[in-house]
Amino acid sequence: MDEQEGFEKGLSMLKLLAALAPMLGLLGTVTGMIETFQVITEYGNGNPSIMAGGISTALITTVMGLVAAIPLLLAHNVLSSQADTLRGMLEKTGVSLIAEQAEMTHGVVPARRAV
């Protein structure tokens, strides 16, 4: 049980960062669009180059949020799967050791295990 805690150490933080990254990208998107609408309000929409800064900010932050989230999510999935595999191996080994100990206690000689 003590070893299992070590397998999952940091996984919750990885999952949190994977969830937060797109949200931060969305925040940047909204900020960029607000900036764009403020420019439109001040100067009108006749000149697309003055709106480009806000739109660029919106798109860049969206992309950066996704670029951060995708590898974090993949890493979380891989590490979580590995932790599950190790947990299963530990449980099987623990059960077999307990069964072997029980057989020895009751005078039954256990069959040799393949190592």
Protein backbone atom coordinates (compact mmCIF):
# COMPACT_ATOMS: atom_id res chain seq x y z
CA MET A 1 0.00 0.00 0.00
CA ASP A 2 2.83 2.38 0.81
CA GLU A 3 4.48 1.74 -2.54
CA GLN A 4 1.26 2.39 -4.45
CA GLU A 5 1.14 5.98 -3.20
CA GLY A 6 4.52 6.60 -4.82
CA PHE A 7 3.23 5.46 -8.22
CA GLU A 8 0.59 8.15 -8.32
CA LYS A 9 2.73 10.93 -6.90
CA GLY A 10 2.52 13.92 -9.22
CA LEU A 11 -0.20 12.45 -11.44
CA SER A 12 -2.87 14.72 -10.01
CA MET A 13 -0.70 17.80 -10.67
CA LEU A 14 -0.09 16.61 -14.23
CA LYS A 15 -3.82 16.17 -14.74
CA LEU A 16 -4.52 19.61 -13.26
CA LEU A 17 -2.00 21.27 -15.59
CA ALA A 18 -3.46 19.42 -18.57
CA ALA A 19 -6.89 20.77 -17.66
CA LEU A 20 -5.69 24.32 -16.92
CA ALA A 21 -3.64 24.83 -20.10
CA PRO A 22 -6.64 25.05 -22.48
CA MET A 23 -8.43 27.30 -19.99
CA LEU A 24 -5.49 29.70 -19.97
CA GLY A 25 -5.51 29.57 -23.77
CA LEU A 26 -9.21 30.41 -23.74
CA LEU A 27 -8.55 33.28 -21.37
CA GLY A 28 -5.99 34.64 -23.82
CA THR A 29 -8.45 34.16 -26.67
CA VAL A 30 -11.10 36.18 -24.90
CA THR A 31 -8.54 38.86 -24.00
CA GLY A 32 -7.41 39.10 -27.62
CA MET A 33 -10.97 39.38 -28.87
CA ILE A 34 -11.73 42.11 -26.32
CA GLU A 35 -8.69 43.98 -27.59
CA THR A 36 -9.90 43.52 -31.19
CA PHE A 37 -13.37 44.86 -30.38
CA GLN A 38 -11.88 47.84 -28.57
CA VAL A 39 -9.84 48.66 -31.68
CA ILE A 40 -12.94 48.29 -33.85
CA THR A 41 -14.83 50.60 -31.50
CA GLU A 42 -12.11 53.27 -31.70
CA TYR A 43 -11.10 53.06 -35.35
CA GLY A 44 -13.90 51.16 -37.10
CA ASN A 45 -13.48 47.99 -39.09
CA GLY A 46 -12.24 49.54 -42.31
CA ASN A 47 -8.58 48.68 -41.73
CA PRO A 48 -7.93 44.99 -40.98
CA SER A 49 -4.29 45.59 -40.04
CA ILE A 50 -5.26 47.46 -36.87
CA MET A 51 -7.38 44.50 -35.77
CA ALA A 52 -4.66 41.97 -36.50
CA GLY A 53 -2.89 42.38 -33.14
CA GLY A 54 -5.87 41.32 -31.07
CA ILE A 55 -6.76 38.47 -33.41
CA SER A 56 -3.15 37.32 -33.39
CA THR A 57 -3.11 37.35 -29.58
CA ALA A 58 -6.33 35.33 -29.52
CA LEU A 59 -5.02 32.69 -31.90
CA ILE A 60 -1.55 32.41 -30.38
CA THR A 61 -2.86 31.89 -26.86
CA THR A 62 -5.33 29.27 -28.09
CA VAL A 63 -2.56 27.37 -29.84
CA MET A 64 -0.21 27.63 -26.87
CA GLY A 65 -2.87 26.31 -24.51
CA LEU A 66 -3.42 23.30 -26.76
CA VAL A 67 0.30 22.77 -27.33
CA ALA A 68 0.77 22.60 -23.57
CA ALA A 69 -2.32 20.50 -22.83
CA ILE A 70 -1.90 17.75 -25.41
CA PRO A 71 1.51 16.43 -24.25
CA LEU A 72 0.49 16.81 -20.60
CA LEU A 73 -2.64 14.77 -21.22
CA LEU A 74 -0.69 12.10 -23.10
CA ALA A 75 1.95 11.96 -20.36
CA HIS A 76 -0.74 11.63 -17.71
CA ASN A 77 -2.36 8.78 -19.62
CA VAL A 78 0.92 6.89 -20.12
CA LEU A 79 2.07 7.36 -16.53
CA SER A 80 -1.34 6.46 -15.14
CA SER A 81 -1.37 3.25 -17.19
CA GLN A 82 2.11 2.36 -15.94
CA ALA A 83 1.04 3.01 -12.35
CA ASP A 84 -1.98 0.72 -12.84
CA THR A 85 0.25 -2.02 -14.26
CA LEU A 86 2.70 -1.75 -11.36
CA ARG A 87 -0.17 -1.70 -8.87
CA GLY A 88 -1.55 -4.92 -10.38
CA MET A 89 1.86 -6.59 -10.22
CA LEU A 90 2.25 -5.57 -6.58
CA GLU A 91 -1.19 -6.89 -5.69
CA LYS A 92 -0.54 -10.26 -7.37
CA THR A 93 2.83 -10.58 -5.68
CA GLY A 94 1.37 -9.61 -2.32
CA VAL A 95 -1.46 -12.12 -2.61
CA SER A 96 0.93 -14.90 -3.61
CA LEU A 97 3.25 -14.09 -0.70
CA ILE A 98 0.34 -14.12 1.74
CA ALA A 99 -0.88 -17.46 0.31
CA GLU A 100 2.61 -18.91 0.57
CA GLN A 101 2.90 -17.73 4.18
CA ALA A 102 -0.50 -19.24 5.00
CA GLU A 103 0.52 -22.58 3.47
CA MET A 104 3.75 -22.60 5.50
CA THR A 105 1.87 -21.78 8.69
CA HIS A 106 -0.51 -24.71 8.16
CA GLY A 107 2.28 -27.18 7.40
CA VAL A 108 1.71 -27.43 3.67
CA VAL A 109 4.83 -27.19 1.57
CA PRO A 110 4.20 -24.70 -1.22
CA ALA A 111 5.05 -25.45 -4.82
CA ARG A 112 8.11 -23.65 -6.09
CA ARG A 113 7.44 -20.42 -7.86
CA ALA A 114 9.08 -19.56 -11.14
CA VAL A 115 11.20 -16.47 -10.71
